Amino acid sequence: MKARIIQAFIEETRNNGIKFRMDDLAKRLGISKRTLYENFSSKVEILDSIIDLTLSEFDEQARLIIDNPEFTLAEKIKKTIVVLPKYNDFYDLRIFEQLKRYYPEQWERVNRELNHWDDLKALLEEGIQSGIIKDMNIDLLMKLIIGATNITFDKQFFLGHSISVTESFETIVDVLLTGILTEKND
């Protein structure tokens, strides 16, 4: 039931933003508010659950990539950048603005996690030390990668240009790792 409630919460948010009532959510699910409150004590608890699930899944997927001995360092870097957690479709620019305004504690947590990829930073540092990545300011490189990947939250742009989130991540990583010039750049 909790998974159904979370999915309905995401759908309700997608349609109406975060400012909907628990009555709306219960109606979408075809259950009573009582049943809803037996599973989650509040809207904030559902929101926190989505954030928890997303962040833990993100960390778990990244850890599986990093710990996989079959991947080269370059593959680990690329795959870590493109990790998409299950509820990634919940997050977009509109939701972020509403989180900032109405749920600042949850916004701070999400924003902090969006801007700190310690595992990726460690991989990049290893890449610089091993010579597969140019020696450059690691903090600037991280800011560039984080900024580039965070543009995927502009879902309207991607929908308007018929680009999937996965395709956008792959293109971003390709540009970041190989650049935009072809081999015929003389």
N, C-alpha and C. Protein backbone atom coordinates (compact mmCIF):
# COMPACT_ATOMS: atom_id res chain seq x y z
N MET A 1 0.83 -1.20 0.00
CA MET A 1 0.00 0.00 0.00
C MET A 1 0.87 1.26 0.00
N LYS A 2 1.97 1.22 0.75
CA LYS A 2 2.83 2.40 0.81
C LYS A 2 3.39 2.76 -0.56
N ALA A 3 3.79 1.74 -1.32
CA ALA A 3 4.31 2.00 -2.67
C ALA A 3 3.23 2.62 -3.55
N ARG A 4 1.99 2.14 -3.42
CA ARG A 4 0.88 2.72 -4.19
C ARG A 4 0.65 4.17 -3.82
N ILE A 5 0.74 4.47 -2.54
CA ILE A 5 0.54 5.85 -2.06
C ILE A 5 1.65 6.74 -2.60
N ILE A 6 2.88 6.26 -2.54
CA ILE A 6 4.00 7.05 -3.06
C ILE A 6 3.83 7.32 -4.55
N GLN A 7 3.46 6.31 -5.30
CA GLN A 7 3.27 6.50 -6.74
C GLN A 7 2.13 7.48 -7.02
N ALA A 8 1.04 7.38 -6.27
CA ALA A 8 -0.08 8.31 -6.44
C ALA A 8 0.33 9.73 -6.05
N PHE A 9 1.15 9.86 -5.02
CA PHE A 9 1.67 11.16 -4.59
C PHE A 9 2.46 11.79 -5.73
N ILE A 10 3.31 11.00 -6.37
CA ILE A 10 4.12 11.49 -7.49
C ILE A 10 3.23 11.92 -8.64
N GLU A 11 2.22 11.12 -8.96
CA GLU A 11 1.29 11.47 -10.03
C GLU A 11 0.50 12.73 -9.71
N GLU A 12 0.04 12.83 -8.48
CA GLU A 12 -0.71 14.02 -8.06
C GLU A 12 0.18 15.26 -8.15
N THR A 13 1.42 15.11 -7.74
CA THR A 13 2.37 16.22 -7.80
C THR A 13 2.66 16.61 -9.24
N ARG A 14 2.80 15.62 -10.09
CA ARG A 14 3.06 15.90 -11.50
C ARG A 14 1.91 16.70 -12.11
N ASN A 15 0.68 16.37 -11.71
CA ASN A 15 -0.49 17.05 -12.27
C ASN A 15 -0.78 18.39 -11.60
N ASN A 16 -0.60 18.47 -10.29
CA ASN A 16 -1.06 19.65 -9.55
C ASN A 16 0.01 20.34 -8.73
N GLY A 17 1.24 19.89 -8.82
CA GLY A 17 2.27 20.45 -7.96
C GLY A 17 2.13 19.87 -6.56
N ILE A 18 2.98 20.34 -5.68
CA ILE A 18 3.02 19.79 -4.32
C ILE A 18 1.88 20.30 -3.45
N LYS A 19 1.24 21.37 -3.88
CA LYS A 19 0.18 21.97 -3.05
C LYS A 19 -1.18 21.33 -3.33
N PHE A 20 -1.30 20.07 -3.06
CA PHE A 20 -2.59 19.40 -3.14
C PHE A 20 -2.96 18.94 -1.74
N ARG A 21 -4.19 18.56 -1.56
CA ARG A 21 -4.65 18.12 -0.24
C ARG A 21 -4.59 16.60 -0.14
N MET A 22 -4.51 16.12 1.05
CA MET A 22 -4.51 14.67 1.27
C MET A 22 -5.84 14.07 0.80
N ASP A 23 -6.93 14.84 0.84
CA ASP A 23 -8.21 14.39 0.28
C ASP A 23 -8.05 14.03 -1.20
N ASP A 24 -7.32 14.88 -1.93
CA ASP A 24 -7.09 14.63 -3.36
C ASP A 24 -6.33 13.33 -3.56
N LEU A 25 -5.36 13.10 -2.72
CA LEU A 25 -4.55 11.88 -2.82
C LEU A 25 -5.40 10.65 -2.51
N ALA A 26 -6.21 10.72 -1.46
CA ALA A 26 -7.08 9.60 -1.09
C ALA A 26 -8.06 9.32 -2.23
N LYS A 27 -8.61 10.37 -2.82
CA LYS A 27 -9.55 10.20 -3.93
C LYS A 27 -8.87 9.54 -5.12
N ARG A 28 -7.65 9.99 -5.45
CA ARG A 28 -6.90 9.39 -6.57
C ARG A 28 -6.71 7.89 -6.33
N LEU A 29 -6.44 7.51 -5.10
CA LEU A 29 -6.20 6.11 -4.76
C LEU A 29 -7.48 5.30 -4.58
N GLY A 30 -8.60 6.00 -4.40
CA GLY A 30 -9.85 5.30 -4.14
C GLY A 30 -9.88 4.69 -2.76
N ILE A 31 -9.25 5.38 -1.80
CA ILE A 31 -9.23 4.90 -0.42
C ILE A 31 -9.69 6.04 0.49
N SER A 32 -9.97 5.70 1.72
CA SER A 32 -10.37 6.73 2.69
C SER A 32 -9.13 7.46 3.20
N LYS A 33 -9.36 8.67 3.71
CA LYS A 33 -8.25 9.41 4.33
C LYS A 33 -7.71 8.63 5.52
N ARG A 34 -8.58 7.94 6.20
CA ARG A 34 -8.16 7.14 7.35
C ARG A 34 -7.12 6.10 6.93
N THR A 35 -7.39 5.41 5.82
CA THR A 35 -6.45 4.40 5.31
C THR A 35 -5.13 5.07 4.93
N LEU A 36 -5.23 6.24 4.33
CA LEU A 36 -4.04 6.99 3.96
C LEU A 36 -3.21 7.31 5.20
N TYR A 37 -3.87 7.81 6.24
CA TYR A 37 -3.16 8.19 7.46
C TYR A 37 -2.70 6.99 8.28
N GLU A 38 -3.24 5.82 8.02
CA GLU A 38 -2.73 4.61 8.68
C GLU A 38 -1.37 4.23 8.12
N ASN A 39 -1.10 4.65 6.89
CA ASN A 39 0.17 4.33 6.24
C ASN A 39 1.20 5.45 6.36
N PHE A 40 0.74 6.68 6.32
CA PHE A 40 1.62 7.85 6.45
C PHE A 40 0.93 8.87 7.33
N SER A 41 1.64 9.40 8.28
CA SER A 41 1.03 10.32 9.23
C SER A 41 0.78 11.71 8.63
N SER A 42 1.47 12.03 7.53
CA SER A 42 1.31 13.36 6.94
C SER A 42 1.85 13.38 5.52
N LYS A 43 1.55 14.45 4.86
CA LYS A 43 2.08 14.67 3.51
C LYS A 43 3.60 14.77 3.56
N VAL A 44 4.12 15.40 4.59
CA VAL A 44 5.57 15.55 4.75
C VAL A 44 6.22 14.18 4.90
N GLU A 45 5.57 13.27 5.59
CA GLU A 45 6.13 11.93 5.75
C GLU A 45 6.23 11.21 4.40
N ILE A 46 5.23 11.40 3.55
CA ILE A 46 5.28 10.79 2.21
C ILE A 46 6.42 11.43 1.42
N LEU A 47 6.50 12.74 1.48
CA LEU A 47 7.57 13.46 0.78
C LEU A 47 8.94 13.00 1.27
N ASP A 48 9.11 12.89 2.58
CA ASP A 48 10.38 12.41 3.13
C ASP A 48 10.68 10.99 2.67
N SER A 49 9.66 10.16 2.56
CA SER A 49 9.85 8.78 2.10
C SER A 49 10.35 8.76 0.66
N ILE A 50 9.78 9.61 -0.18
CA ILE A 50 10.22 9.68 -1.58
C ILE A 50 11.68 10.13 -1.64
N ILE A 51 12.01 11.14 -0.87
CA ILE A 51 13.39 11.65 -0.83
C ILE A 51 14.33 10.56 -0.32
N ASP A 52 13.95 9.89 0.78
CA ASP A 52 14.77 8.80 1.33
C ASP A 52 15.00 7.70 0.30
N LEU A 53 13.93 7.26 -0.34
CA LEU A 53 14.04 6.18 -1.34
C LEU A 53 14.93 6.60 -2.50
N THR A 54 14.74 7.81 -2.97
CA THR A 54 15.53 8.30 -4.10
C THR A 54 17.01 8.37 -3.75
N LEU A 55 17.32 8.97 -2.61
CA LEU A 55 18.72 9.15 -2.23
C LEU A 55 19.40 7.83 -1.90
N SER A 56 18.69 6.94 -1.22
CA SER A 56 19.32 5.66 -0.89
C SER A 56 19.52 4.82 -2.14
N GLU A 57 18.55 4.86 -3.06
CA GLU A 57 18.72 4.12 -4.31
C GLU A 57 19.86 4.69 -5.14
N PHE A 58 19.97 6.01 -5.17
CA PHE A 58 21.06 6.66 -5.89
C PHE A 58 22.41 6.20 -5.33
N ASP A 59 22.54 6.25 -4.01
CA ASP A 59 23.79 5.82 -3.36
C ASP A 59 24.07 4.34 -3.62
N GLU A 60 23.03 3.52 -3.56
CA GLU A 60 23.21 2.08 -3.78
C GLU A 60 23.65 1.80 -5.21
N GLN A 61 23.01 2.45 -6.19
CA GLN A 61 23.40 2.23 -7.58
C GLN A 61 24.83 2.71 -7.84
N ALA A 62 25.17 3.86 -7.29
CA ALA A 62 26.54 4.38 -7.46
C ALA A 62 27.55 3.43 -6.82
N ARG A 63 27.25 2.92 -5.65
CA ARG A 63 28.16 2.01 -4.96
C ARG A 63 28.36 0.72 -5.76
N LEU A 64 27.30 0.19 -6.36
CA LEU A 64 27.41 -1.02 -7.19
C LEU A 64 28.33 -0.78 -8.39
N ILE A 65 28.25 0.40 -8.96
CA ILE A 65 29.11 0.74 -10.10
C ILE A 65 30.56 0.86 -9.63
N ILE A 66 30.78 1.60 -8.58
CA ILE A 66 32.13 1.87 -8.09
C ILE A 66 32.81 0.58 -7.63
N ASP A 67 32.06 -0.31 -7.02
CA ASP A 67 32.64 -1.55 -6.50
C ASP A 67 32.77 -2.66 -7.55
N ASN A 68 32.29 -2.41 -8.75
CA ASN A 68 32.33 -3.44 -9.79
C ASN A 68 33.73 -3.50 -10.41
N PRO A 69 34.46 -4.59 -10.20
CA PRO A 69 35.83 -4.69 -10.72
C PRO A 69 35.90 -4.85 -12.24
N GLU A 70 34.76 -5.14 -12.87
CA GLU A 70 34.75 -5.33 -14.32
C GLU A 70 34.76 -4.01 -15.09
N PHE A 71 34.42 -2.90 -14.42
CA PHE A 71 34.40 -1.60 -15.08
C PHE A 71 35.76 -0.92 -14.98
N THR A 72 36.16 -0.28 -16.07
CA THR A 72 37.36 0.55 -16.02
C THR A 72 37.02 1.81 -15.23
N LEU A 73 38.04 2.56 -14.87
CA LEU A 73 37.81 3.81 -14.15
C LEU A 73 36.96 4.77 -14.98
N ALA A 74 37.25 4.87 -16.27
CA ALA A 74 36.46 5.74 -17.15
C ALA A 74 35.00 5.30 -17.19
N GLU A 75 34.76 4.00 -17.25
CA GLU A 75 33.38 3.49 -17.26
C GLU A 75 32.68 3.80 -15.93
N LYS A 76 33.40 3.67 -14.83
CA LYS A 76 32.82 3.97 -13.53
C LYS A 76 32.42 5.44 -13.45
N ILE A 77 33.28 6.32 -13.94
CA ILE A 77 32.97 7.75 -13.92
C ILE A 77 31.71 8.02 -14.74
N LYS A 78 31.68 7.51 -15.95
CA LYS A 78 30.53 7.73 -16.84
C LYS A 78 29.25 7.16 -16.24
N LYS A 79 29.30 5.94 -15.78
CA LYS A 79 28.10 5.29 -15.24
C LYS A 79 27.62 5.96 -13.95
N THR A 80 28.54 6.46 -13.14
CA THR A 80 28.15 7.13 -11.90
C THR A 80 27.43 8.45 -12.21
N ILE A 81 27.88 9.15 -13.22
CA ILE A 81 27.22 10.41 -13.58
C ILE A 81 25.80 10.17 -14.06
N VAL A 82 25.55 9.08 -14.75
CA VAL A 82 24.23 8.85 -15.34
C VAL A 82 23.29 8.02 -14.47
N VAL A 83 23.61 7.78 -13.22
CA VAL A 83 22.72 7.03 -12.33
C VAL A 83 21.40 7.79 -12.20
N LEU A 84 20.32 7.07 -12.47
CA LEU A 84 18.97 7.63 -12.31
C LEU A 84 18.19 6.79 -11.31
N PRO A 85 17.87 7.35 -10.15
CA PRO A 85 17.08 6.58 -9.19
C PRO A 85 15.63 6.41 -9.66
N LYS A 86 14.94 5.47 -9.06
CA LYS A 86 13.58 5.10 -9.45
C LYS A 86 12.63 6.29 -9.51
N TYR A 87 12.66 7.15 -8.52
CA TYR A 87 11.69 8.24 -8.46
C TYR A 87 12.25 9.54 -9.02
N ASN A 88 13.25 9.45 -9.88
CA ASN A 88 13.84 10.65 -10.46
C ASN A 88 12.80 11.47 -11.22
N ASP A 89 11.77 10.82 -11.77
CA ASP A 89 10.74 11.55 -12.51
C ASP A 89 9.92 12.47 -11.60
N PHE A 90 10.03 12.30 -10.30
CA PHE A 90 9.35 13.18 -9.35
C PHE A 90 9.94 14.58 -9.37
N TYR A 91 11.24 14.66 -9.55
CA TYR A 91 11.95 15.93 -9.43
C TYR A 91 11.95 16.70 -10.74
N ASP A 92 11.54 17.94 -10.67
CA ASP A 92 11.70 18.87 -11.79
C ASP A 92 11.79 20.28 -11.21
N LEU A 93 12.00 21.25 -12.07
CA LEU A 93 12.21 22.62 -11.60
C LEU A 93 11.02 23.15 -10.81
N ARG A 94 9.81 22.82 -11.26
CA ARG A 94 8.61 23.29 -10.56
C ARG A 94 8.55 22.71 -9.16
N ILE A 95 8.85 21.43 -9.01
CA ILE A 95 8.83 20.79 -7.69
C ILE A 95 9.91 21.40 -6.80
N PHE A 96 11.08 21.66 -7.36
CA PHE A 96 12.14 22.28 -6.57
C PHE A 96 11.71 23.64 -6.04
N GLU A 97 11.07 24.44 -6.88
CA GLU A 97 10.60 25.76 -6.43
C GLU A 97 9.57 25.62 -5.32
N GLN A 98 8.67 24.65 -5.45
CA GLN A 98 7.66 24.44 -4.41
C GLN A 98 8.29 23.90 -3.13
N LEU A 99 9.27 23.02 -3.26
CA LEU A 99 9.97 22.54 -2.07
C LEU A 99 10.64 23.70 -1.34
N LYS A 100 11.33 24.56 -2.10
CA LYS A 100 12.01 25.72 -1.49
C LYS A 100 11.02 26.58 -0.71
N ARG A 101 9.86 26.78 -1.31
CA ARG A 101 8.88 27.69 -0.73
C ARG A 101 8.09 27.09 0.43
N TYR A 102 7.62 25.85 0.26
CA TYR A 102 6.69 25.28 1.23
C TYR A 102 7.29 24.21 2.14
N TYR A 103 8.40 23.62 1.71
CA TYR A 103 9.03 22.54 2.47
C TYR A 103 10.54 22.78 2.53
N PRO A 104 10.97 23.86 3.18
CA PRO A 104 12.39 24.23 3.15
C PRO A 104 13.33 23.18 3.73
N GLU A 105 12.90 22.43 4.71
CA GLU A 105 13.75 21.39 5.30
C GLU A 105 14.03 20.29 4.27
N GLN A 106 12.99 19.88 3.55
CA GLN A 106 13.16 18.86 2.53
C GLN A 106 13.99 19.41 1.36
N TRP A 107 13.75 20.67 1.02
CA TRP A 107 14.53 21.29 -0.06
C TRP A 107 16.01 21.32 0.29
N GLU A 108 16.34 21.71 1.51
CA GLU A 108 17.75 21.77 1.93
C GLU A 108 18.42 20.41 1.78
N ARG A 109 17.71 19.39 2.17
CA ARG A 109 18.26 18.03 2.09
C ARG A 109 18.50 17.62 0.63
N VAL A 110 17.50 17.83 -0.22
CA VAL A 110 17.63 17.47 -1.64
C VAL A 110 18.74 18.30 -2.28
N ASN A 111 18.74 19.59 -2.04
CA ASN A 111 19.74 20.48 -2.63
C ASN A 111 21.15 20.10 -2.20
N ARG A 112 21.31 19.78 -0.93
CA ARG A 112 22.63 19.36 -0.43
C ARG A 112 23.10 18.11 -1.17
N GLU A 113 22.20 17.15 -1.35
CA GLU A 113 22.58 15.90 -2.02
C GLU A 113 22.84 16.12 -3.51
N LEU A 114 22.10 17.03 -4.13
CA LEU A 114 22.31 17.32 -5.55
C LEU A 114 23.67 17.96 -5.81
N ASN A 115 24.22 18.58 -4.80
CA ASN A 115 25.47 19.32 -4.98
C ASN A 115 26.67 18.67 -4.31
N HIS A 116 26.52 17.44 -3.83
CA HIS A 116 27.65 16.73 -3.22
C HIS A 116 27.68 15.29 -3.71
N TRP A 117 28.58 15.03 -4.59
CA TRP A 117 28.76 13.67 -5.10
C TRP A 117 30.16 13.23 -4.69
N ASP A 118 30.31 12.87 -3.45
CA ASP A 118 31.63 12.51 -2.94
C ASP A 118 32.23 11.31 -3.66
N ASP A 119 31.38 10.32 -3.98
CA ASP A 119 31.88 9.14 -4.70
C ASP A 119 32.42 9.52 -6.08
N LEU A 120 31.68 10.38 -6.78
CA LEU A 120 32.13 10.81 -8.09
C LEU A 120 33.41 11.64 -7.98
N LYS A 121 33.45 12.49 -6.99
CA LYS A 121 34.66 13.31 -6.79
C LYS A 121 35.88 12.41 -6.56
N ALA A 122 35.72 11.36 -5.77
CA ALA A 122 36.83 10.43 -5.52
C ALA A 122 37.26 9.74 -6.81
N LEU A 123 36.29 9.36 -7.65
CA LEU A 123 36.62 8.74 -8.93
C LEU A 123 37.38 9.72 -9.83
N LEU A 124 36.94 10.96 -9.87
CA LEU A 124 37.61 11.97 -10.70
C LEU A 124 39.03 12.23 -10.20
N GLU A 125 39.19 12.31 -8.89
CA GLU A 125 40.53 12.50 -8.33
C GLU A 125 41.44 11.33 -8.71
N GLU A 126 40.89 10.13 -8.65
CA GLU A 126 41.65 8.94 -9.05
C GLU A 126 42.01 9.03 -10.54
N GLY A 127 41.05 9.53 -11.34
CA GLY A 127 41.29 9.70 -12.77
C GLY A 127 42.38 10.70 -13.05
N ILE A 128 42.44 11.78 -12.29
CA ILE A 128 43.50 12.78 -12.45
C ILE A 128 44.84 12.18 -12.05
N GLN A 129 44.87 11.48 -10.91
CA GLN A 129 46.11 10.87 -10.45
C GLN A 129 46.64 9.81 -11.42
N SER A 130 45.73 9.06 -12.05
CA SER A 130 46.16 8.01 -12.96
C SER A 130 46.43 8.52 -14.37
N GLY A 131 46.06 9.78 -14.63
CA GLY A 131 46.35 10.37 -15.93
C GLY A 131 45.27 10.20 -16.99
N ILE A 132 44.12 9.61 -16.66
CA ILE A 132 43.07 9.48 -17.68
C ILE A 132 42.22 10.74 -17.78
N ILE A 133 42.34 11.61 -16.78
CA ILE A 133 41.66 12.91 -16.79
C ILE A 133 42.72 13.99 -16.67
N LYS A 134 42.56 15.05 -17.44
CA LYS A 134 43.50 16.17 -17.37
C LYS A 134 43.57 16.71 -15.95
N ASP A 135 44.75 17.17 -15.57
CA ASP A 135 44.94 17.76 -14.25
C ASP A 135 44.26 19.12 -14.24
N MET A 136 43.20 19.23 -13.45
CA MET A 136 42.46 20.48 -13.38
C MET A 136 41.86 20.63 -11.99
N ASN A 137 41.30 21.78 -11.74
CA ASN A 137 40.69 22.07 -10.45
C ASN A 137 39.49 21.14 -10.26
N ILE A 138 39.57 20.25 -9.29
CA ILE A 138 38.54 19.24 -9.08
C ILE A 138 37.21 19.86 -8.66
N ASP A 139 37.26 20.93 -7.86
CA ASP A 139 36.01 21.57 -7.42
C ASP A 139 35.28 22.21 -8.58
N LEU A 140 36.03 22.84 -9.48
CA LEU A 140 35.42 23.42 -10.67
C LEU A 140 34.85 22.33 -11.57
N LEU A 141 35.58 21.24 -11.73
CA LEU A 141 35.11 20.11 -12.53
C LEU A 141 33.81 19.55 -11.95
N MET A 142 33.76 19.38 -10.64
CA MET A 142 32.55 18.88 -9.99
C MET A 142 31.38 19.85 -10.21
N LYS A 143 31.64 21.13 -10.06
CA LYS A 143 30.58 22.14 -10.27
C LYS A 143 30.05 22.06 -11.70
N LEU A 144 30.94 21.89 -12.65
CA LEU A 144 30.56 21.78 -14.06
C LEU A 144 29.69 20.53 -14.29
N ILE A 145 30.10 19.41 -13.76
CA ILE A 145 29.34 18.16 -13.94
C ILE A 145 27.99 18.26 -13.25
N ILE A 146 27.98 18.75 -12.02
CA ILE A 146 26.73 18.86 -11.28
C ILE A 146 25.77 19.83 -11.98
N GLY A 147 26.30 20.96 -12.41
CA GLY A 147 25.46 21.93 -13.12
C GLY A 147 24.91 21.36 -14.40
N ALA A 148 25.74 20.65 -15.14
CA ALA A 148 25.30 20.06 -16.41
C ALA A 148 24.23 19.00 -16.18
N THR A 149 24.43 18.15 -15.20
CA THR A 149 23.44 17.09 -14.97
C THR A 149 22.16 17.64 -14.36
N ASN A 150 22.25 18.71 -13.59
CA ASN A 150 21.05 19.28 -12.98
C ASN A 150 20.12 19.93 -14.00
N ILE A 151 20.60 20.21 -15.19
CA ILE A 151 19.69 20.76 -16.21
C ILE A 151 18.66 19.72 -16.64
N THR A 152 18.90 18.46 -16.33
CA THR A 152 17.92 17.43 -16.70
C THR A 152 16.63 17.58 -15.90
N PHE A 153 16.62 18.42 -14.88
CA PHE A 153 15.40 18.67 -14.12
C PHE A 153 14.45 19.62 -14.85
N ASP A 154 14.92 20.20 -15.95
CA ASP A 154 14.07 21.06 -16.77
C ASP A 154 13.28 20.17 -17.73
N LYS A 155 12.32 19.45 -17.17
CA LYS A 155 11.57 18.45 -17.93
C LYS A 155 10.83 19.06 -19.12
N GLN A 156 10.38 20.30 -18.99
CA GLN A 156 9.65 20.94 -20.09
C GLN A 156 10.53 21.08 -21.33
N PHE A 157 11.79 21.43 -21.14
CA PHE A 157 12.71 21.54 -22.27
C PHE A 157 12.84 20.19 -22.99
N PHE A 158 13.05 19.15 -22.21
CA PHE A 158 13.27 17.84 -22.81
C PHE A 158 12.02 17.30 -23.48
N LEU A 159 10.85 17.53 -22.86
CA LEU A 159 9.60 17.11 -23.49
C LEU A 159 9.37 17.89 -24.79
N GLY A 160 9.64 19.19 -24.75
CA GLY A 160 9.44 20.03 -25.92
C GLY A 160 10.36 19.71 -27.08
N HIS A 161 11.48 19.06 -26.78
CA HIS A 161 12.45 18.72 -27.81
C HIS A 161 12.56 17.21 -28.04
N SER A 162 11.59 16.48 -27.48
CA SER A 162 11.52 15.01 -27.65
C SER A 162 12.84 14.32 -27.29
N ILE A 163 13.38 14.69 -26.15
CA ILE A 163 14.62 14.08 -25.66
C ILE A 163 14.30 13.40 -24.34
N SER A 164 14.66 12.13 -24.20
CA SER A 164 14.42 11.44 -22.94
C SER A 164 15.48 11.87 -21.92
N VAL A 165 15.17 11.67 -20.66
CA VAL A 165 16.13 11.99 -19.60
C VAL A 165 17.39 11.15 -19.77
N THR A 166 17.22 9.87 -20.10
CA THR A 166 18.37 9.00 -20.30
C THR A 166 19.24 9.50 -21.45
N GLU A 167 18.61 9.86 -22.56
CA GLU A 167 19.35 10.38 -23.71
C GLU A 167 20.07 11.69 -23.35
N SER A 168 19.40 12.54 -22.57
CA SER A 168 20.04 13.80 -22.19
C SER A 168 21.26 13.56 -21.31
N PHE A 169 21.15 12.63 -20.36
CA PHE A 169 22.30 12.31 -19.51
C PHE A 169 23.46 11.77 -20.34
N GLU A 170 23.14 10.86 -21.26
CA GLU A 170 24.20 10.28 -22.09
C GLU A 170 24.89 11.34 -22.94
N THR A 171 24.12 12.28 -23.49
CA THR A 171 24.71 13.36 -24.28
C THR A 171 25.56 14.27 -23.41
N ILE A 172 25.07 14.60 -22.24
CA ILE A 172 25.83 15.45 -21.32
C ILE A 172 27.15 14.79 -20.97
N VAL A 173 27.11 13.52 -20.62
CA VAL A 173 28.33 12.80 -20.26
C VAL A 173 29.28 12.73 -21.45
N ASP A 174 28.75 12.48 -22.63
CA ASP A 174 29.59 12.42 -23.82
C ASP A 174 30.29 13.75 -24.05
N VAL A 175 29.56 14.85 -23.93
CA VAL A 175 30.16 16.18 -24.11
C VAL A 175 31.21 16.44 -23.03
N LEU A 176 30.88 16.10 -21.78
CA LEU A 176 31.82 16.34 -20.69
C LEU A 176 33.09 15.51 -20.83
N LEU A 177 32.95 14.26 -21.26
CA LEU A 177 34.11 13.39 -21.31
C LEU A 177 34.88 13.44 -22.63
N THR A 178 34.20 13.75 -23.74
CA THR A 178 34.91 13.74 -25.02
C THR A 178 34.86 15.08 -25.74
N GLY A 179 34.08 16.02 -25.26
CA GLY A 179 34.01 17.34 -25.90
C GLY A 179 33.04 17.39 -27.04
N ILE A 180 33.05 18.50 -27.76
CA ILE A 180 32.11 18.67 -28.87
C ILE A 180 32.79 18.66 -30.23
N LEU A 181 34.10 18.65 -30.24
CA LEU A 181 34.82 18.67 -31.50
C LEU A 181 34.93 17.26 -32.08
N THR A 182 34.82 17.17 -33.38
CA THR A 182 35.06 15.90 -34.05
C THR A 182 36.55 15.74 -34.24
N GLU A 183 36.95 14.58 -34.72
CA GLU A 183 38.39 14.36 -34.99
C GLU A 183 38.87 15.22 -36.15
N LYS A 184 37.96 15.75 -36.95
CA LYS A 184 38.30 16.60 -38.10
C LYS A 184 38.33 18.07 -37.69
N ASN A 185 38.90 18.37 -36.55
CA ASN A 185 38.86 19.74 -36.04
C ASN A 185 40.07 20.58 -36.41
N ASP A 186 40.80 20.21 -37.44
CA ASP A 186 42.01 20.94 -37.84
C ASP A 186 41.65 22.28 -38.43
